[in-house]
């Protein structure tokens, strides 16, 4: 049995796909898995189906947002007029094609969109490209950690006290991000330190953090957060 035969073939089926894409995808996946395919081939087919749906959702969402922004006059009609604009868009499209996570896509999308605002300068567009190259490497946990740090940065830091213990910081971020486990926070933290988006730990045993800024964002980390976090 060919999997393609299980794809929507009628108008009503297509309408259902538009209304309930996740439900239709589940039906197609179930069909593919129960079709008696050789295991490795079945996994490949299902994986491609899921990737195709995710990519389509990303592109559709992005297209609708661009249309709304143009209609509202926030971005120009020819928002990819310059070579830098085109390079930035290509980078975003390649990221989608390579299968980035939803959180990473949203971060890159916001960086791109802010680079094409009516009042964006050529320097801003060039900076956006560099920031998108960094964001492209993010895991979902890294995006969650950065977004939470930025939210903390914008709040009254006094409410978090004079925190200087790395372990206390990990426990706080595990709760604030929703990651729940401080070990998951530590893995993302280490990657963000390597990317120079977080300040490093203090003391010889790395048990401390710089007192006074619980967010731990470096100037580069703050720059990328200002552009990727949705307001």
C-alpha atoms as a PDB file:
ATOM      1  CA  UNK A   1       0.000   0.000   0.000  1.00  0.00           C
ATOM      2  CA  UNK A   2       1.434   3.376  -0.977  1.00  0.00           C
ATOM      3  CA  UNK A   3       1.422   6.011   1.752  1.00  0.00           C
ATOM      4  CA  UNK A   4       0.571   8.726  -0.747  1.00  0.00           C
ATOM      5  CA  UNK A   5      -2.810   7.068  -1.244  1.00  0.00           C
ATOM      6  CA  UNK A   6      -3.646   8.029   2.332  1.00  0.00           C
ATOM      7  CA  UNK A   7      -3.113  11.744   1.732  1.00  0.00           C
ATOM      8  CA  UNK A   8      -6.229  13.949   1.381  1.00  0.00           C
ATOM      9  CA  UNK A   9      -7.849  13.387  -2.008  1.00  0.00           C
ATOM     10  CA  UNK A  10     -11.141  15.298  -1.734  1.00  0.00           C
ATOM     11  CA  UNK A  11     -12.183  18.890  -1.084  1.00  0.00           C
ATOM     12  CA  UNK A  12     -13.593  17.961   2.315  1.00  0.00           C
ATOM     13  CA  UNK A  13     -10.361  16.213   3.236  1.00  0.00           C
ATOM     14  CA  UNK A  14      -8.317  19.228   2.177  1.00  0.00           C
ATOM     15  CA  UNK A  15     -10.569  21.522   4.198  1.00  0.00           C
ATOM     16  CA  UNK A  16     -10.025  19.271   7.198  1.00  0.00           C
ATOM     17  CA  UNK A  17      -6.265  19.480   6.619  1.00  0.00           C
ATOM     18  CA  UNK A  18      -6.466  23.279   6.760  1.00  0.00           C
ATOM     19  CA  UNK A  19      -8.665  23.304   9.880  1.00  0.00           C
ATOM     20  CA  UNK A  20      -6.994  20.472  11.764  1.00  0.00           C
ATOM     21  CA  UNK A  21      -3.514  19.840  10.331  1.00  0.00           C
ATOM     22  CA  UNK A  22      -2.312  17.974  13.443  1.00  0.00           C
ATOM     23  CA  UNK A  23      -5.277  15.579  13.331  1.00  0.00           C
ATOM     24  CA  UNK A  24      -4.774  14.818   9.637  1.00  0.00           C
ATOM     25  CA  UNK A  25      -1.050  14.366  10.182  1.00  0.00           C
ATOM     26  CA  UNK A  26      -1.740  11.879  12.983  1.00  0.00           C
ATOM     27  CA  UNK A  27      -4.073   9.944  10.674  1.00  0.00           C
ATOM     28  CA  UNK A  28      -1.481   9.848   7.889  1.00  0.00           C
ATOM     29  CA  UNK A  29       1.278   8.791  10.292  1.00  0.00           C
ATOM     30  CA  UNK A  30      -0.915   6.037  11.719  1.00  0.00           C
ATOM     31  CA  UNK A  31      -1.661   4.860   8.190  1.00  0.00           C
ATOM     32  CA  UNK A  32       2.012   4.850   7.274  1.00  0.00           C
ATOM     33  CA  UNK A  33       2.989   2.898  10.380  1.00  0.00           C
ATOM     34  CA  UNK A  34       0.238   0.326   9.864  1.00  0.00           C
ATOM     35  CA  UNK A  35       0.899  -0.090   6.124  1.00  0.00           C
ATOM     36  CA  UNK A  36       3.374  -2.889   6.640  1.00  0.00           C
ATOM     37  CA  UNK A  37       6.371  -0.901   5.445  1.00  0.00           C
ATOM     38  CA  UNK A  38       9.905  -2.163   6.105  1.00  0.00           C
ATOM     39  CA  UNK A  39      10.837  -0.544   9.496  1.00  0.00           C
ATOM     40  CA  UNK A  40      13.647   1.732   8.322  1.00  0.00           C
ATOM     41  CA  UNK A  41      11.594   2.897   5.331  1.00  0.00           C
ATOM     42  CA  UNK A  42       8.546   3.502   7.528  1.00  0.00           C
ATOM     43  CA  UNK A  43      10.553   5.660   9.917  1.00  0.00           C
ATOM     44  CA  UNK A  44      11.949   7.658   6.973  1.00  0.00           C
ATOM     45  CA  UNK A  45       8.510   8.209   5.430  1.00  0.00           C
ATOM     46  CA  UNK A  46       6.919   9.290   8.716  1.00  0.00           C
ATOM     47  CA  UNK A  47       9.850  11.579   9.494  1.00  0.00           C
ATOM     48  CA  UNK A  48       9.564  13.295   6.124  1.00  0.00           C
ATOM     49  CA  UNK A  49       5.809  13.707   6.501  1.00  0.00           C
ATOM     50  CA  UNK A  50       6.183  15.380   9.891  1.00  0.00           C
ATOM     51  CA  UNK A  51       9.021  17.622   8.678  1.00  0.00           C
ATOM     52  CA  UNK A  52       6.992  18.688   5.646  1.00  0.00           C
ATOM     53  CA  UNK A  53       4.005  19.696   7.784  1.00  0.00           C
ATOM     54  CA  UNK A  54       6.171  21.617  10.249  1.00  0.00           C
ATOM     55  CA  UNK A  55       7.969  23.480   7.453  1.00  0.00           C
ATOM     56  CA  UNK A  56       4.648  24.364   5.832  1.00  0.00           C
ATOM     57  CA  UNK A  57       3.288  25.714   9.141  1.00  0.00           C
ATOM     58  CA  UNK A  58       6.395  27.863   9.638  1.00  0.00           C
ATOM     59  CA  UNK A  59       6.262  29.321   6.127  1.00  0.00           C
ATOM     60  CA  UNK A  60       2.496  29.908   6.234  1.00  0.00           C
ATOM     61  CA  UNK A  61       2.722  31.657   9.605  1.00  0.00           C
ATOM     62  CA  UNK A  62       5.648  33.775   8.396  1.00  0.00           C
ATOM     63  CA  UNK A  63       3.852  34.751   5.200  1.00  0.00           C
ATOM     64  CA  UNK A  64       0.727  35.855   7.045  1.00  0.00           C
ATOM     65  CA  UNK A  65       2.779  37.952   9.461  1.00  0.00           C
ATOM     66  CA  UNK A  66       4.638  39.698   6.613  1.00  0.00           C
ATOM     67  CA  UNK A  67       1.335  40.488   4.909  1.00  0.00           C
ATOM     68  CA  UNK A  68      -0.085  41.989   8.121  1.00  0.00           C
ATOM     69  CA  UNK A  69       3.038  44.079   8.712  1.00  0.00           C
ATOM     70  CA  UNK A  70       2.965  45.433   5.159  1.00  0.00           C
ATOM     71  CA  UNK A  71      -0.720  46.283   5.437  1.00  0.00           C
ATOM     72  CA  UNK A  72      -0.034  48.091   8.719  1.00  0.00           C
ATOM     73  CA  UNK A  73       2.818  50.037   7.126  1.00  0.00           C
ATOM     74  CA  UNK A  74       5.417  48.682   9.548  1.00  0.00           C
ATOM     75  CA  UNK A  75       7.586  47.200   6.809  1.00  0.00           C
ATOM     76  CA  UNK A  76       8.021  48.470   3.210  1.00  0.00           C
ATOM     77  CA  UNK A  77       6.274  46.834   0.277  1.00  0.00           C
ATOM     78  CA  UNK A  78       9.684  45.857  -1.102  1.00  0.00           C
ATOM     79  CA  UNK A  79      11.073  44.579   2.194  1.00  0.00           C
ATOM     80  CA  UNK A  80      13.834  42.587   0.448  1.00  0.00           C
ATOM     81  CA  UNK A  81      15.032  45.459  -1.716  1.00  0.00           C
ATOM     82  CA  UNK A  82      18.685  45.299  -0.616  1.00  0.00           C
ATOM     83  CA  UNK A  83      21.152  42.446  -1.020  1.00  0.00           C
ATOM     84  CA  UNK A  84      21.469  42.276   2.766  1.00  0.00           C
ATOM     85  CA  UNK A  85      17.698  41.843   3.118  1.00  0.00           C
ATOM     86  CA  UNK A  86      17.841  38.994   0.611  1.00  0.00           C
ATOM     87  CA  UNK A  87      20.761  37.366   2.426  1.00  0.00           C
ATOM     88  CA  UNK A  88      18.887  37.577   5.738  1.00  0.00           C
ATOM     89  CA  UNK A  89      15.765  36.023   4.226  1.00  0.00           C
ATOM     90  CA  UNK A  90      17.774  33.241   2.601  1.00  0.00           C
ATOM     91  CA  UNK A  91      19.346  32.450   5.970  1.00  0.00           C
ATOM     92  CA  UNK A  92      15.898  32.159   7.552  1.00  0.00           C
ATOM     93  CA  UNK A  93      14.551  29.980   4.734  1.00  0.00           C
ATOM     94  CA  UNK A  94      17.581  27.689   4.916  1.00  0.00           C
ATOM     95  CA  UNK A  95      17.061  27.313   8.651  1.00  0.00           C
ATOM     96  CA  UNK A  96      13.470  26.215   8.047  1.00  0.00           C
ATOM     97  CA  UNK A  97      14.610  23.740   5.398  1.00  0.00           C
ATOM     98  CA  UNK A  98      17.239  22.311   7.740  1.00  0.00           C
ATOM     99  CA  UNK A  99      14.596  21.602  10.374  1.00  0.00           C
ATOM    100  CA  UNK A 100      15.152  24.032  13.247  1.00  0.00           C
ATOM    101  CA  UNK A 101      12.888  23.855  16.282  1.00  0.00           C
ATOM    102  CA  UNK A 102       9.836  26.082  16.599  1.00  0.00           C
ATOM    103  CA  UNK A 103      11.525  28.166  19.301  1.00  0.00           C
ATOM    104  CA  UNK A 104      14.604  28.691  17.133  1.00  0.00           C
ATOM    105  CA  UNK A 105      12.481  29.602  14.118  1.00  0.00           C
ATOM    106  CA  UNK A 106      10.529  32.143  16.144  1.00  0.00           C
ATOM    107  CA  UNK A 107      13.754  33.717  17.403  1.00  0.00           C
ATOM    108  CA  UNK A 108      15.223  33.990  13.896  1.00  0.00           C
ATOM    109  CA  UNK A 109      11.926  35.212  12.481  1.00  0.00           C
ATOM    110  CA  UNK A 110      11.737  38.073  14.967  1.00  0.00           C
ATOM    111  CA  UNK A 111      15.339  39.099  14.292  1.00  0.00           C
ATOM    112  CA  UNK A 112      14.606  39.200  10.565  1.00  0.00           C
ATOM    113  CA  UNK A 113      11.341  41.087  10.934  1.00  0.00           C
ATOM    114  CA  UNK A 114      12.883  43.762  13.121  1.00  0.00           C
ATOM    115  CA  UNK A 115      15.633  44.196  10.527  1.00  0.00           C
ATOM    116  CA  UNK A 116      13.120  45.144   7.833  1.00  0.00           C
ATOM    117  CA  UNK A 117      11.109  47.683   9.806  1.00  0.00           C
ATOM    118  CA  UNK A 118      10.627  50.978   7.975  1.00  0.00           C
ATOM    119  CA  UNK A 119      13.238  52.762  10.104  1.00  0.00           C
ATOM    120  CA  UNK A 120      15.867  49.975  10.054  1.00  0.00           C
ATOM    121  CA  UNK A 121      19.347  51.099   8.995  1.00  0.00           C
ATOM    122  CA  UNK A 122      21.862  49.240   6.840  1.00  0.00           C
ATOM    123  CA  UNK A 123      23.942  48.604   9.969  1.00  0.00           C
ATOM    124  CA  UNK A 124      20.925  47.037  11.675  1.00  0.00           C
ATOM    125  CA  UNK A 125      20.398  44.715   8.706  1.00  0.00           C
ATOM    126  CA  UNK A 126      24.040  43.633   8.787  1.00  0.00           C
ATOM    127  CA  UNK A 127      23.872  43.044  12.537  1.00  0.00           C
ATOM    128  CA  UNK A 128      20.682  41.028  12.090  1.00  0.00           C
ATOM    129  CA  UNK A 129      22.496  38.632   9.763  1.00  0.00           C
ATOM    130  CA  UNK A 130      25.199  37.964  12.349  1.00  0.00           C
ATOM    131  CA  UNK A 131      22.639  37.472  15.112  1.00  0.00           C
ATOM    132  CA  UNK A 132      20.602  35.092  12.959  1.00  0.00           C
ATOM    133  CA  UNK A 133      23.720  33.001  12.358  1.00  0.00           C
ATOM    134  CA  UNK A 134      24.081  32.664  16.136  1.00  0.00           C
ATOM    135  CA  UNK A 135      20.365  32.032  16.735  1.00  0.00           C
ATOM    136  CA  UNK A 136      20.351  29.305  14.099  1.00  0.00           C
ATOM    137  CA  UNK A 137      22.457  27.173  16.459  1.00  0.00           C
ATOM    138  CA  UNK A 138      20.076  27.529  19.419  1.00  0.00           C
ATOM    139  CA  UNK A 139      18.366  24.587  21.054  1.00  0.00           C
ATOM    140  CA  UNK A 140      14.859  25.075  22.413  1.00  0.00           C
ATOM    141  CA  UNK A 141      16.253  25.176  25.949  1.00  0.00           C
ATOM    142  CA  UNK A 142      18.695  27.946  25.032  1.00  0.00           C
ATOM    143  CA  UNK A 143      15.882  30.080  23.600  1.00  0.00           C
ATOM    144  CA  UNK A 144      13.796  29.502  26.732  1.00  0.00           C
ATOM    145  CA  UNK A 145      16.721  30.432  28.969  1.00  0.00           C
ATOM    146  CA  UNK A 146      17.544  33.603  27.032  1.00  0.00           C
ATOM    147  CA  UNK A 147      13.898  34.707  26.927  1.00  0.00           C
ATOM    148  CA  UNK A 148      13.577  34.185  30.670  1.00  0.00           C
ATOM    149  CA  UNK A 149      16.825  36.050  31.354  1.00  0.00           C
ATOM    150  CA  UNK A 150      15.596  38.971  29.267  1.00  0.00           C
ATOM    151  CA  UNK A 151      12.296  39.048  31.152  1.00  0.00           C
ATOM    152  CA  UNK A 152      14.231  39.069  34.420  1.00  0.00           C
ATOM    153  CA  UNK A 153      16.476  41.829  33.090  1.00  0.00           C
ATOM    154  CA  UNK A 154      13.419  44.008  32.480  1.00  0.00           C
ATOM    155  CA  UNK A 155      11.966  43.448  35.954  1.00  0.00           C
ATOM    156  CA  UNK A 156      13.058  44.787  39.309  1.00  0.00           C
ATOM    157  CA  UNK A 157      16.112  42.667  39.983  1.00  0.00           C
ATOM    158  CA  UNK A 158      15.854  43.441  43.705  1.00  0.00           C
ATOM    159  CA  UNK A 159      13.084  40.878  44.006  1.00  0.00           C
ATOM    160  CA  UNK A 160      15.630  38.125  43.349  1.00  0.00           C
ATOM    161  CA  UNK A 161      17.883  39.258  46.178  1.00  0.00           C
ATOM    162  CA  UNK A 162      21.668  39.398  46.201  1.00  0.00           C
ATOM    163  CA  UNK A 163      22.048  36.036  44.483  1.00  0.00           C
ATOM    164  CA  UNK A 164      25.632  34.893  43.952  1.00  0.00           C
ATOM    165  CA  UNK A 165      25.350  31.095  44.091  1.00  0.00           C
ATOM    166  CA  UNK A 166      25.355  29.259  40.751  1.00  0.00           C
ATOM    167  CA  UNK A 167      23.297  26.449  42.238  1.00  0.00           C
ATOM    168  CA  UNK A 168      20.628  28.880  43.451  1.00  0.00           C
ATOM    169  CA  UNK A 169      20.585  30.447  39.992  1.00  0.00           C
ATOM    170  CA  UNK A 170      20.108  27.041  38.341  1.00  0.00           C
ATOM    171  CA  UNK A 171      17.204  26.227  40.649  1.00  0.00           C
ATOM    172  CA  UNK A 172      15.604  29.625  39.976  1.00  0.00           C
ATOM    173  CA  UNK A 173      15.902  29.267  36.198  1.00  0.00           C
ATOM    174  CA  UNK A 174      14.606  25.692  36.260  1.00  0.00           C
ATOM    175  CA  UNK A 175      11.396  27.085  37.760  1.00  0.00           C
ATOM    176  CA  UNK A 176      11.192  30.307  35.730  1.00  0.00           C
ATOM    177  CA  UNK A 177      11.807  28.618  32.353  1.00  0.00           C
ATOM    178  CA  UNK A 178       9.624  25.611  33.020  1.00  0.00           C
ATOM    179  CA  UNK A 179      12.514  23.246  32.254  1.00  0.00           C
ATOM    180  CA  UNK A 180      12.057  21.906  35.835  1.00  0.00           C
ATOM    181  CA  UNK A 181      15.467  20.223  36.041  1.00  0.00           C
ATOM    182  CA  UNK A 182      18.501  22.330  36.886  1.00  0.00           C
ATOM    183  CA  UNK A 183      20.676  19.881  34.944  1.00  0.00           C
ATOM    184  CA  UNK A 184      18.851  20.877  31.740  1.00  0.00           C
ATOM    185  CA  UNK A 185      19.424  24.527  32.614  1.00  0.00           C
ATOM    186  CA  UNK A 186      23.125  23.826  33.183  1.00  0.00           C
ATOM    187  CA  UNK A 187      23.509  22.236  29.742  1.00  0.00           C
ATOM    188  CA  UNK A 188      21.917  25.247  28.029  1.00  0.00           C
ATOM    189  CA  UNK A 189      23.843  27.649  30.272  1.00  0.00           C
ATOM    190  CA  UNK A 190      27.164  26.152  29.212  1.00  0.00           C
ATOM    191  CA  UNK A 191      26.319  26.535  25.520  1.00  0.00           C
ATOM    192  CA  UNK A 192      25.267  30.155  26.027  1.00  0.00           C
ATOM    193  CA  UNK A 193      28.525  30.898  27.840  1.00  0.00           C
ATOM    194  CA  UNK A 194      30.429  29.406  24.892  1.00  0.00           C
ATOM    195  CA  UNK A 195      28.458  31.642  22.511  1.00  0.00           C
ATOM    196  CA  UNK A 196      29.413  34.624  24.710  1.00  0.00           C
ATOM    197  CA  UNK A 197      25.755  35.414  25.429  1.00  0.00           C
ATOM    198  CA  UNK A 198      26.049  34.659  29.171  1.00  0.00           C
ATOM    199  CA  UNK A 199      28.638  35.807  31.671  1.00  0.00           C
ATOM    200  CA  UNK A 200      30.854  32.993  32.918  1.00  0.00           C
ATOM    201  CA  UNK A 201      30.682  31.626  36.441  1.00  0.00           C
ATOM    202  CA  UNK A 202      32.942  32.948  39.173  1.00  0.00           C
ATOM    203  CA  UNK A 203      35.323  31.354  41.699  1.00  0.00           C
ATOM    204  CA  UNK A 204      37.794  28.555  41.120  1.00  0.00           C
ATOM    205  CA  UNK A 205      35.169  25.830  41.412  1.00  0.00           C
ATOM    206  CA  UNK A 206      32.681  27.740  39.216  1.00  0.00           C
ATOM    207  CA  UNK A 207      30.164  27.792  42.068  1.00  0.00           C
ATOM    208  CA  UNK A 208      29.424  31.516  41.885  1.00  0.00           C
ATOM    209  CA  UNK A 209      27.874  34.037  39.514  1.00  0.00           C
ATOM    210  CA  UNK A 210      28.427  37.773  39.191  1.00  0.00           C
ATOM    211  CA  UNK A 211      26.351  39.404  41.901  1.00  0.00           C
ATOM    212  CA  UNK A 212      23.964  42.162  40.839  1.00  0.00           C
ATOM    213  CA  UNK A 213      22.593  40.833  37.549  1.00  0.00           C
ATOM    214  CA  UNK A 214      20.627  37.605  37.785  1.00  0.00           C
ATOM    215  CA  UNK A 215      19.920  37.681  34.046  1.00  0.00           C
ATOM    216  CA  UNK A 216      23.635  37.068  33.309  1.00  0.00           C
ATOM    217  CA  UNK A 217      23.242  38.502  29.806  1.00  0.00           C
ATOM    218  CA  UNK A 218      26.370  39.870  28.157  1.00  0.00           C
ATOM    219  CA  UNK A 219      26.104  42.938  25.860  1.00  0.00           C
ATOM    220  CA  UNK A 220      25.839  40.512  22.913  1.00  0.00           C
ATOM    221  CA  UNK A 221      23.231  38.451  24.748  1.00  0.00           C
ATOM    222  CA  UNK A 222      21.185  41.569  25.431  1.00  0.00           C
ATOM    223  CA  UNK A 223      21.411  42.642  21.782  1.00  0.00           C
ATOM    224  CA  UNK A 224      20.096  39.321  20.518  1.00  0.00           C
ATOM    225  CA  UNK A 225      17.325  39.189  23.147  1.00  0.00           C
ATOM    226  CA  UNK A 226      16.118  42.680  22.263  1.00  0.00           C
ATOM    227  CA  UNK A 227      15.524  41.463  18.722  1.00  0.00           C
ATOM    228  CA  UNK A 228      14.352  37.879  19.152  1.00  0.00           C
ATOM    229  CA  UNK A 229      11.943  38.139  22.101  1.00  0.00           C
ATOM    230  CA  UNK A 230       8.390  38.936  21.005  1.00  0.00           C
ATOM    231  CA  UNK A 231       6.979  41.991  22.766  1.00  0.00           C
END
